[in-house]
All heavy atoms as atom14 arrays in JSON, in Angstrom:
{
  "sequence": "LPLAQEGWCSIHAVISEEQLWERIERLKAIGAEGILVLALENMI",
  "atom14_mask": [
    [1, 1, 1, 1, 1, 1, 1, 1, 0, 0, 0, 0, 0, 0],
    [1, 1, 1, 1, 1, 1, 1, 0, 0, 0, 0, 0, 0, 0],
    [1, 1, 1, 1, 1, 1, 1, 1, 0, 0, 0, 0, 0, 0],
    [1, 1, 1, 1, 1, 0, 0, 0, 0, 0, 0, 0, 0, 0],
    [1, 1, 1, 1, 1, 1, 1, 1, 1, 0, 0, 0, 0, 0],
    [1, 1, 1, 1, 1, 1, 1, 1, 1, 0, 0, 0, 0, 0],
    [1, 1, 1, 1, 0, 0, 0, 0, 0, 0, 0, 0, 0, 0],
    [1, 1, 1, 1, 1, 1, 1, 1, 1, 1, 1, 1, 1, 1],
    [1, 1, 1, 1, 1, 1, 0, 0, 0, 0, 0, 0, 0, 0],
    [1, 1, 1, 1, 1, 1, 0, 0, 0, 0, 0, 0, 0, 0],
    [1, 1, 1, 1, 1, 1, 1, 1, 0, 0, 0, 0, 0, 0],
    [1, 1, 1, 1, 1, 1, 1, 1, 1, 1, 0, 0, 0, 0],
    [1, 1, 1, 1, 1, 0, 0, 0, 0, 0, 0, 0, 0, 0],
    [1, 1, 1, 1, 1, 1, 1, 0, 0, 0, 0, 0, 0, 0],
    [1, 1, 1, 1, 1, 1, 1, 1, 0, 0, 0, 0, 0, 0],
    [1, 1, 1, 1, 1, 1, 0, 0, 0, 0, 0, 0, 0, 0],
    [1, 1, 1, 1, 1, 1, 1, 1, 1, 0, 0, 0, 0, 0],
    [1, 1, 1, 1, 1, 1, 1, 1, 1, 0, 0, 0, 0, 0],
    [1, 1, 1, 1, 1, 1, 1, 1, 1, 0, 0, 0, 0, 0],
    [1, 1, 1, 1, 1, 1, 1, 1, 0, 0, 0, 0, 0, 0],
    [1, 1, 1, 1, 1, 1, 1, 1, 1, 1, 1, 1, 1, 1],
    [1, 1, 1, 1, 1, 1, 1, 1, 1, 0, 0, 0, 0, 0],
    [1, 1, 1, 1, 1, 1, 1, 1, 1, 1, 1, 0, 0, 0],
    [1, 1, 1, 1, 1, 1, 1, 1, 0, 0, 0, 0, 0, 0],
    [1, 1, 1, 1, 1, 1, 1, 1, 1, 0, 0, 0, 0, 0],
    [1, 1, 1, 1, 1, 1, 1, 1, 1, 1, 1, 0, 0, 0],
    [1, 1, 1, 1, 1, 1, 1, 1, 0, 0, 0, 0, 0, 0],
    [1, 1, 1, 1, 1, 1, 1, 1, 1, 0, 0, 0, 0, 0],
    [1, 1, 1, 1, 1, 0, 0, 0, 0, 0, 0, 0, 0, 0],
    [1, 1, 1, 1, 1, 1, 1, 1, 0, 0, 0, 0, 0, 0],
    [1, 1, 1, 1, 0, 0, 0, 0, 0, 0, 0, 0, 0, 0],
    [1, 1, 1, 1, 1, 0, 0, 0, 0, 0, 0, 0, 0, 0],
    [1, 1, 1, 1, 1, 1, 1, 1, 1, 0, 0, 0, 0, 0],
    [1, 1, 1, 1, 0, 0, 0, 0, 0, 0, 0, 0, 0, 0],
    [1, 1, 1, 1, 1, 1, 1, 1, 0, 0, 0, 0, 0, 0],
    [1, 1, 1, 1, 1, 1, 1, 1, 0, 0, 0, 0, 0, 0],
    [1, 1, 1, 1, 1, 1, 1, 0, 0, 0, 0, 0, 0, 0],
    [1, 1, 1, 1, 1, 1, 1, 1, 0, 0, 0, 0, 0, 0],
    [1, 1, 1, 1, 1, 0, 0, 0, 0, 0, 0, 0, 0, 0],
    [1, 1, 1, 1, 1, 1, 1, 1, 0, 0, 0, 0, 0, 0],
    [1, 1, 1, 1, 1, 1, 1, 1, 1, 0, 0, 0, 0, 0],
    [1, 1, 1, 1, 1, 1, 1, 1, 0, 0, 0, 0, 0, 0],
    [1, 1, 1, 1, 1, 1, 1, 1, 0, 0, 0, 0, 0, 0],
    [1, 1, 1, 1, 1, 1, 1, 1, 0, 0, 0, 0, 0, 0]
  ],
  "atom14_positions": [
    [[88.65, 93.1, 100.23], [87.96, 92.96, 98.9], [86.54, 93.52, 99.05], [85.91, 93.3, 99.89], [88.0, 91.5, 98.46], [89.34, 90.78, 98.32], [89.12, 89.34, 98.15], [90.16, 91.42, 97.22], [0.0, 0.0, 0.0], [0.0, 0.0, 0.0], [0.0, 0.0, 0.0], [0.0, 0.0, 0.0], [0.0, 0.0, 0.0], [0.0, 0.0, 0.0]],
    [[86.08, 94.23, 97.88], [84.7, 94.65, 97.91], [83.73, 93.5, 97.67], [84.03, 92.55, 96.99], [84.66, 95.62, 96.71], [85.72, 95.14, 95.82], [86.81, 94.56, 96.71], [0.0, 0.0, 0.0], [0.0, 0.0, 0.0], [0.0, 0.0, 0.0], [0.0, 0.0, 0.0], [0.0, 0.0, 0.0], [0.0, 0.0, 0.0], [0.0, 0.0, 0.0]],
    [[82.55, 93.56, 98.3], [81.45, 92.66, 98.12], [80.47, 93.26, 97.12], [80.41, 94.43, 96.91], [80.76, 92.36, 99.42], [81.59, 91.62, 100.44], [80.7, 91.28, 101.68], [82.12, 90.3, 99.88], [0.0, 0.0, 0.0], [0.0, 0.0, 0.0], [0.0, 0.0, 0.0], [0.0, 0.0, 0.0], [0.0, 0.0, 0.0], [0.0, 0.0, 0.0]],
    [[79.67, 92.32, 96.48], [78.72, 92.86, 95.55], [77.63, 93.66, 96.26], [77.02, 94.58, 95.65], [77.92, 91.64, 94.88], [0.0, 0.0, 0.0], [0.0, 0.0, 0.0], [0.0, 0.0, 0.0], [0.0, 0.0, 0.0], [0.0, 0.0, 0.0], [0.0, 0.0, 0.0], [0.0, 0.0, 0.0], [0.0, 0.0, 0.0], [0.0, 0.0, 0.0]],
    [[77.4, 93.35, 97.61], [76.39, 94.21, 98.35], [77.05, 95.55, 98.67], [78.18, 95.57, 99.28], [76.04, 93.49, 99.62], [74.99, 94.21, 100.45], [74.55, 93.43, 101.63], [74.92, 92.23, 101.73], [73.83, 94.06, 102.52], [0.0, 0.0, 0.0], [0.0, 0.0, 0.0], [0.0, 0.0, 0.0], [0.0, 0.0, 0.0], [0.0, 0.0, 0.0]],
    [[76.41, 96.59, 98.37], [76.91, 98.01, 98.57], [77.13, 98.15, 100.01], [76.33, 97.87, 100.86], [75.9, 99.0, 97.98], [76.37, 100.45, 98.03], [77.51, 100.65, 97.07], [77.57, 100.0, 96.05], [78.32, 101.6, 97.31], [0.0, 0.0, 0.0], [0.0, 0.0, 0.0], [0.0, 0.0, 0.0], [0.0, 0.0, 0.0], [0.0, 0.0, 0.0]],
    [[78.28, 98.81, 100.3], [78.62, 99.23, 101.68], [79.28, 98.13, 102.54], [79.54, 98.32, 103.7], [0.0, 0.0, 0.0], [0.0, 0.0, 0.0], [0.0, 0.0, 0.0], [0.0, 0.0, 0.0], [0.0, 0.0, 0.0], [0.0, 0.0, 0.0], [0.0, 0.0, 0.0], [0.0, 0.0, 0.0], [0.0, 0.0, 0.0], [0.0, 0.0, 0.0]],
    [[79.59, 97.0, 101.87], [80.21, 95.86, 102.6], [81.53, 95.47, 101.91], [81.73, 95.65, 100.77], [79.29, 94.63, 102.64], [78.24, 94.83, 103.7], [77.12, 95.64, 103.54], [78.17, 94.29, 104.98], [76.31, 95.56, 104.7], [76.94, 94.74, 105.59], [78.96, 93.45, 105.64], [76.61, 94.3, 106.88], [78.62, 92.91, 106.98], [77.41, 93.46, 107.49]],
    [[82.41, 94.83, 102.76], [83.69, 94.34, 102.18], [84.06, 93.05, 102.86], [83.4, 92.66, 103.82], [84.84, 95.31, 102.38], [85.17, 95.75, 104.06], [0.0, 0.0, 0.0], [0.0, 0.0, 0.0], [0.0, 0.0, 0.0], [0.0, 0.0, 0.0], [0.0, 0.0, 0.0], [0.0, 0.0, 0.0], [0.0, 0.0, 0.0], [0.0, 0.0, 0.0]],
    [[84.99, 92.27, 102.27], [85.47, 91.03, 102.82], [86.9, 91.29, 103.3], [87.73, 91.9, 102.51], [85.38, 89.96, 101.79], [85.94, 88.77, 102.3], [0.0, 0.0, 0.0], [0.0, 0.0, 0.0], [0.0, 0.0, 0.0], [0.0, 0.0, 0.0], [0.0, 0.0, 0.0], [0.0, 0.0, 0.0], [0.0, 0.0, 0.0], [0.0, 0.0, 0.0]],
    [[87.25, 90.82, 104.43], [88.61, 90.97, 105.02], [89.25, 89.54, 105.24], [88.51, 88.64, 105.7], [88.58, 91.63, 106.39], [88.0, 93.03, 106.22], [89.99, 91.71, 106.96], [88.0, 93.8, 107.49], [0.0, 0.0, 0.0], [0.0, 0.0, 0.0], [0.0, 0.0, 0.0], [0.0, 0.0, 0.0], [0.0, 0.0, 0.0], [0.0, 0.0, 0.0]],
    [[90.44, 89.37, 104.71], [91.17, 88.17, 104.88], [92.42, 88.45, 105.69], [93.16, 89.37, 105.42], [91.61, 87.56, 103.52], [90.46, 87.27, 102.68], [90.5, 86.2, 101.74], [89.27, 87.9, 102.46], [89.36, 86.18, 101.07], [88.55, 87.23, 101.46], [0.0, 0.0, 0.0], [0.0, 0.0, 0.0], [0.0, 0.0, 0.0], [0.0, 0.0, 0.0]],
    [[92.72, 87.58, 106.76], [93.9, 87.86, 107.58], [94.37, 86.55, 108.14], [93.65, 85.56, 108.17], [93.62, 88.85, 108.67], [0.0, 0.0, 0.0], [0.0, 0.0, 0.0], [0.0, 0.0, 0.0], [0.0, 0.0, 0.0], [0.0, 0.0, 0.0], [0.0, 0.0, 0.0], [0.0, 0.0, 0.0], [0.0, 0.0, 0.0], [0.0, 0.0, 0.0]],
    [[95.63, 86.59, 108.64], [96.24, 85.42, 109.29], [96.39, 85.89, 110.81], [96.95, 86.9, 111.02], [97.64, 85.07, 108.73], [98.28, 83.96, 109.51], [97.39, 84.58, 107.21], [0.0, 0.0, 0.0], [0.0, 0.0, 0.0], [0.0, 0.0, 0.0], [0.0, 0.0, 0.0], [0.0, 0.0, 0.0], [0.0, 0.0, 0.0], [0.0, 0.0, 0.0]],
    [[95.9, 84.98, 111.68], [95.94, 85.26, 113.07], [96.5, 84.04, 113.84], [96.22, 82.87, 113.5], [94.57, 85.51, 113.7], [93.77, 86.55, 112.79], [94.65, 86.01, 115.13], [92.37, 86.73, 113.32], [0.0, 0.0, 0.0], [0.0, 0.0, 0.0], [0.0, 0.0, 0.0], [0.0, 0.0, 0.0], [0.0, 0.0, 0.0], [0.0, 0.0, 0.0]],
    [[97.33, 84.3, 114.89], [97.78, 83.19, 115.7], [96.66, 82.58, 116.5], [95.72, 83.33, 116.89], [98.93, 83.74, 116.68], [98.42, 84.53, 117.63], [0.0, 0.0, 0.0], [0.0, 0.0, 0.0], [0.0, 0.0, 0.0], [0.0, 0.0, 0.0], [0.0, 0.0, 0.0], [0.0, 0.0, 0.0], [0.0, 0.0, 0.0], [0.0, 0.0, 0.0]],
    [[96.73, 81.32, 116.77], [95.61, 80.68, 117.64], [95.56, 81.25, 118.94], [94.44, 81.37, 119.52], [96.0, 79.16, 117.73], [95.72, 78.42, 116.45], [96.06, 76.9, 116.74], [97.05, 76.58, 117.38], [95.29, 76.08, 116.12], [0.0, 0.0, 0.0], [0.0, 0.0, 0.0], [0.0, 0.0, 0.0], [0.0, 0.0, 0.0], [0.0, 0.0, 0.0]],
    [[96.6, 81.76, 119.5], [96.54, 82.42, 120.78], [95.71, 83.62, 120.87], [95.05, 83.93, 121.84], [97.97, 82.75, 121.27], [98.92, 81.55, 121.56], [100.3, 81.95, 121.89], [100.61, 83.14, 121.86], [101.05, 81.09, 122.28], [0.0, 0.0, 0.0], [0.0, 0.0, 0.0], [0.0, 0.0, 0.0], [0.0, 0.0, 0.0], [0.0, 0.0, 0.0]],
    [[95.67, 84.41, 119.79], [94.88, 85.62, 119.66], [93.53, 85.42, 119.06], [92.7, 86.34, 119.08], [95.7, 86.65, 118.88], [97.07, 87.03, 119.41], [97.78, 87.99, 118.51], [97.69, 87.96, 117.27], [98.57, 88.89, 119.12], [0.0, 0.0, 0.0], [0.0, 0.0, 0.0], [0.0, 0.0, 0.0], [0.0, 0.0, 0.0], [0.0, 0.0, 0.0]],
    [[93.23, 84.24, 118.48], [92.14, 84.05, 117.62], [90.78, 84.55, 118.19], [90.11, 85.37, 117.63], [92.09, 82.63, 117.15], [90.87, 82.3, 116.28], [91.03, 82.98, 114.93], [90.8, 80.72, 116.0], [0.0, 0.0, 0.0], [0.0, 0.0, 0.0], [0.0, 0.0, 0.0], [0.0, 0.0, 0.0], [0.0, 0.0, 0.0], [0.0, 0.0, 0.0]],
    [[90.45, 83.94, 119.34], [89.03, 84.17, 119.87], [88.93, 85.54, 120.46], [87.85, 86.2, 120.27], [88.74, 83.08, 120.94], [88.63, 81.77, 120.31], [89.53, 80.76, 120.45], [87.58, 81.32, 119.38], [89.05, 79.64, 119.63], [87.93, 80.04, 119.02], [86.51, 81.95, 118.82], [87.11, 79.23, 118.07], [85.68, 81.23, 117.94], [85.97, 79.96, 117.57]],
    [[89.99, 86.13, 121.01], [89.9, 87.48, 121.5], [89.63, 88.46, 120.36], [88.86, 89.4, 120.44], [91.16, 87.82, 122.24], [91.24, 89.25, 122.89], [91.91, 90.23, 121.95], [92.68, 89.79, 121.12], [91.56, 91.41, 122.09], [0.0, 0.0, 0.0], [0.0, 0.0, 0.0], [0.0, 0.0, 0.0], [0.0, 0.0, 0.0], [0.0, 0.0, 0.0]],
    [[90.32, 88.23, 119.22], [90.18, 89.06, 118.01], [88.82, 88.93, 117.39], [88.19, 89.92, 117.01], [91.25, 88.83, 116.99], [92.71, 89.06, 117.48], [92.96, 90.52, 117.71], [94.27, 90.76, 118.36], [95.34, 91.09, 117.71], [95.27, 91.35, 116.4], [96.49, 91.31, 118.27], [0.0, 0.0, 0.0], [0.0, 0.0, 0.0], [0.0, 0.0, 0.0]],
    [[88.31, 87.7, 117.31], [87.04, 87.54, 116.74], [85.88, 88.15, 117.5], [84.99, 88.73, 117.05], [86.75, 85.93, 116.63], [87.55, 85.38, 115.47], [85.28, 85.6, 116.41], [87.42, 83.87, 115.28], [0.0, 0.0, 0.0], [0.0, 0.0, 0.0], [0.0, 0.0, 0.0], [0.0, 0.0, 0.0], [0.0, 0.0, 0.0], [0.0, 0.0, 0.0]],
    [[85.99, 88.01, 118.88], [84.97, 88.77, 119.76], [84.99, 90.28, 119.44], [83.96, 90.88, 119.39], [85.35, 88.49, 121.2], [85.05, 87.07, 121.61], [85.67, 86.69, 122.91], [86.29, 87.57, 123.58], [85.46, 85.51, 123.41], [0.0, 0.0, 0.0], [0.0, 0.0, 0.0], [0.0, 0.0, 0.0], [0.0, 0.0, 0.0], [0.0, 0.0, 0.0]],
    [[86.2, 90.85, 119.35], [86.32, 92.29, 119.06], [85.75, 92.61, 117.67], [85.1, 93.7, 117.48], [87.75, 92.77, 119.16], [88.27, 92.74, 120.61], [89.77, 92.96, 120.7], [90.18, 94.25, 120.13], [91.4, 94.68, 119.94], [92.4, 93.8, 120.21], [91.67, 95.79, 119.54], [0.0, 0.0, 0.0], [0.0, 0.0, 0.0], [0.0, 0.0, 0.0]],
    [[85.99, 91.74, 116.69], [85.51, 91.98, 115.38], [83.94, 91.81, 115.27], [83.27, 92.68, 114.65], [86.08, 91.0, 114.36], [87.58, 91.29, 114.13], [88.3, 90.03, 113.51], [87.72, 92.46, 113.13], [0.0, 0.0, 0.0], [0.0, 0.0, 0.0], [0.0, 0.0, 0.0], [0.0, 0.0, 0.0], [0.0, 0.0, 0.0], [0.0, 0.0, 0.0]],
    [[83.34, 90.9, 115.98], [81.93, 90.76, 116.0], [81.31, 91.96, 116.68], [80.21, 92.47, 116.26], [81.56, 89.51, 116.84], [81.73, 88.23, 116.01], [81.24, 86.98, 116.83], [79.84, 87.0, 117.08], [78.99, 86.89, 115.96], [0.0, 0.0, 0.0], [0.0, 0.0, 0.0], [0.0, 0.0, 0.0], [0.0, 0.0, 0.0], [0.0, 0.0, 0.0]],
    [[81.97, 92.55, 117.65], [81.49, 93.74, 118.3], [81.38, 94.98, 117.37], [80.59, 95.85, 117.68], [82.36, 94.07, 119.55], [0.0, 0.0, 0.0], [0.0, 0.0, 0.0], [0.0, 0.0, 0.0], [0.0, 0.0, 0.0], [0.0, 0.0, 0.0], [0.0, 0.0, 0.0], [0.0, 0.0, 0.0], [0.0, 0.0, 0.0], [0.0, 0.0, 0.0]],
    [[82.15, 94.95, 116.35], [82.08, 96.13, 115.44], [81.37, 95.75, 114.08], [81.36, 96.48, 113.13], [83.47, 96.64, 115.02], [84.35, 95.61, 114.26], [84.22, 97.18, 116.28], [85.6, 96.19, 113.75], [0.0, 0.0, 0.0], [0.0, 0.0, 0.0], [0.0, 0.0, 0.0], [0.0, 0.0, 0.0], [0.0, 0.0, 0.0], [0.0, 0.0, 0.0]],
    [[80.57, 94.53, 114.06], [79.66, 94.25, 113.05], [80.21, 93.23, 112.09], [79.57, 92.99, 111.09], [0.0, 0.0, 0.0], [0.0, 0.0, 0.0], [0.0, 0.0, 0.0], [0.0, 0.0, 0.0], [0.0, 0.0, 0.0], [0.0, 0.0, 0.0], [0.0, 0.0, 0.0], [0.0, 0.0, 0.0], [0.0, 0.0, 0.0], [0.0, 0.0, 0.0]],
    [[81.32, 92.46, 112.35], [81.73, 91.43, 111.37], [80.67, 90.26, 111.38], [80.16, 89.9, 112.45], [83.1, 90.92, 111.86], [0.0, 0.0, 0.0], [0.0, 0.0, 0.0], [0.0, 0.0, 0.0], [0.0, 0.0, 0.0], [0.0, 0.0, 0.0], [0.0, 0.0, 0.0], [0.0, 0.0, 0.0], [0.0, 0.0, 0.0], [0.0, 0.0, 0.0]],
    [[80.53, 89.78, 110.14], [79.61, 88.64, 109.97], [80.24, 87.52, 109.12], [81.26, 87.84, 108.48], [78.29, 89.12, 109.33], [77.53, 90.13, 110.06], [76.29, 90.61, 109.35], [76.15, 90.17, 108.18], [75.54, 91.44, 109.83], [0.0, 0.0, 0.0], [0.0, 0.0, 0.0], [0.0, 0.0, 0.0], [0.0, 0.0, 0.0], [0.0, 0.0, 0.0]],
    [[79.65, 86.33, 109.11], [80.07, 85.3, 108.23], [81.6, 84.97, 108.42], [82.29, 84.77, 107.44], [0.0, 0.0, 0.0], [0.0, 0.0, 0.0], [0.0, 0.0, 0.0], [0.0, 0.0, 0.0], [0.0, 0.0, 0.0], [0.0, 0.0, 0.0], [0.0, 0.0, 0.0], [0.0, 0.0, 0.0], [0.0, 0.0, 0.0], [0.0, 0.0, 0.0]],
    [[82.0, 84.86, 109.64], [83.42, 84.66, 109.92], [83.87, 83.22, 109.66], [83.14, 82.33, 110.23], [83.76, 85.08, 111.36], [83.46, 86.56, 111.59], [85.25, 84.82, 111.7], [83.55, 87.01, 113.0], [0.0, 0.0, 0.0], [0.0, 0.0, 0.0], [0.0, 0.0, 0.0], [0.0, 0.0, 0.0], [0.0, 0.0, 0.0], [0.0, 0.0, 0.0]],
    [[84.84, 83.01, 108.8], [85.27, 81.65, 108.54], [86.71, 81.51, 109.14], [87.5, 82.46, 108.92], [85.29, 81.34, 107.11], [83.98, 81.34, 106.36], [84.19, 81.04, 104.87], [83.04, 80.32, 106.96], [0.0, 0.0, 0.0], [0.0, 0.0, 0.0], [0.0, 0.0, 0.0], [0.0, 0.0, 0.0], [0.0, 0.0, 0.0], [0.0, 0.0, 0.0]],
    [[87.0, 80.45, 109.81], [88.32, 80.18, 110.32], [88.84, 78.9, 109.68], [88.34, 77.83, 109.81], [88.35, 80.04, 111.86], [89.78, 79.74, 112.37], [87.8, 81.23, 112.52], [0.0, 0.0, 0.0], [0.0, 0.0, 0.0], [0.0, 0.0, 0.0], [0.0, 0.0, 0.0], [0.0, 0.0, 0.0], [0.0, 0.0, 0.0], [0.0, 0.0, 0.0]],
    [[89.94, 79.02, 108.92], [90.52, 77.87, 108.1], [91.92, 77.49, 108.63], [92.7, 78.37, 109.13], [90.6, 78.27, 106.65], [89.27, 78.77, 106.03], [89.56, 79.22, 104.6], [88.16, 77.78, 106.06], [0.0, 0.0, 0.0], [0.0, 0.0, 0.0], [0.0, 0.0, 0.0], [0.0, 0.0, 0.0], [0.0, 0.0, 0.0], [0.0, 0.0, 0.0]],
    [[92.21, 76.22, 108.51], [93.57, 75.75, 108.78], [94.51, 76.34, 107.76], [94.21, 76.45, 106.62], [93.64, 74.22, 108.71], [0.0, 0.0, 0.0], [0.0, 0.0, 0.0], [0.0, 0.0, 0.0], [0.0, 0.0, 0.0], [0.0, 0.0, 0.0], [0.0, 0.0, 0.0], [0.0, 0.0, 0.0], [0.0, 0.0, 0.0], [0.0, 0.0, 0.0]],
    [[95.77, 76.65, 108.2], [96.79, 77.22, 107.37], [97.86, 76.13, 107.14], [98.49, 75.73, 108.1], [97.37, 78.42, 108.03], [98.27, 79.33, 107.15], [97.58, 79.83, 105.9], [98.89, 80.46, 108.01], [0.0, 0.0, 0.0], [0.0, 0.0, 0.0], [0.0, 0.0, 0.0], [0.0, 0.0, 0.0], [0.0, 0.0, 0.0], [0.0, 0.0, 0.0]],
    [[98.04, 75.63, 105.95], [98.99, 74.61, 105.7], [100.38, 75.07, 105.62], [101.22, 74.47, 106.26], [98.58, 73.87, 104.39], [99.43, 72.65, 104.09], [98.88, 71.8, 102.95], [97.75, 71.86, 102.65], [99.7, 71.12, 102.34], [0.0, 0.0, 0.0], [0.0, 0.0, 0.0], [0.0, 0.0, 0.0], [0.0, 0.0, 0.0], [0.0, 0.0, 0.0]],
    [[100.64, 76.07, 104.84], [102.01, 76.64, 104.67], [101.81, 78.14, 104.6], [100.91, 78.72, 103.99], [102.74, 76.15, 103.42], [103.18, 74.69, 103.58], [103.69, 74.38, 104.65], [103.05, 73.9, 102.56], [0.0, 0.0, 0.0], [0.0, 0.0, 0.0], [0.0, 0.0, 0.0], [0.0, 0.0, 0.0], [0.0, 0.0, 0.0], [0.0, 0.0, 0.0]],
    [[102.91, 78.83, 105.12], [102.97, 80.34, 104.97], [104.39, 80.64, 104.5], [105.35, 80.46, 105.18], [102.68, 80.95, 106.37], [102.59, 82.47, 106.35], [101.95, 83.13, 107.87], [103.26, 82.7, 109.08], [0.0, 0.0, 0.0], [0.0, 0.0, 0.0], [0.0, 0.0, 0.0], [0.0, 0.0, 0.0], [0.0, 0.0, 0.0], [0.0, 0.0, 0.0]],
    [[104.37, 81.2, 103.28], [105.59, 81.48, 102.6], [105.83, 83.04, 102.6], [104.98, 83.71, 102.02], [105.66, 80.98, 101.16], [105.53, 79.45, 101.2], [106.95, 81.4, 100.45], [105.33, 78.81, 99.89], [0.0, 0.0, 0.0], [0.0, 0.0, 0.0], [0.0, 0.0, 0.0], [0.0, 0.0, 0.0], [0.0, 0.0, 0.0], [0.0, 0.0, 0.0]]
  ]
}
């Protein structure tokens, strides 16, 4: 999704807990900011 700030976007994704921290470290390395991790109640 586009952000109001020019040149930035928001990404939403579902990740397994096993991969979570390894993926977050890689994302931070390419400039990801404001990372939120939320519990997933149901996935249909």
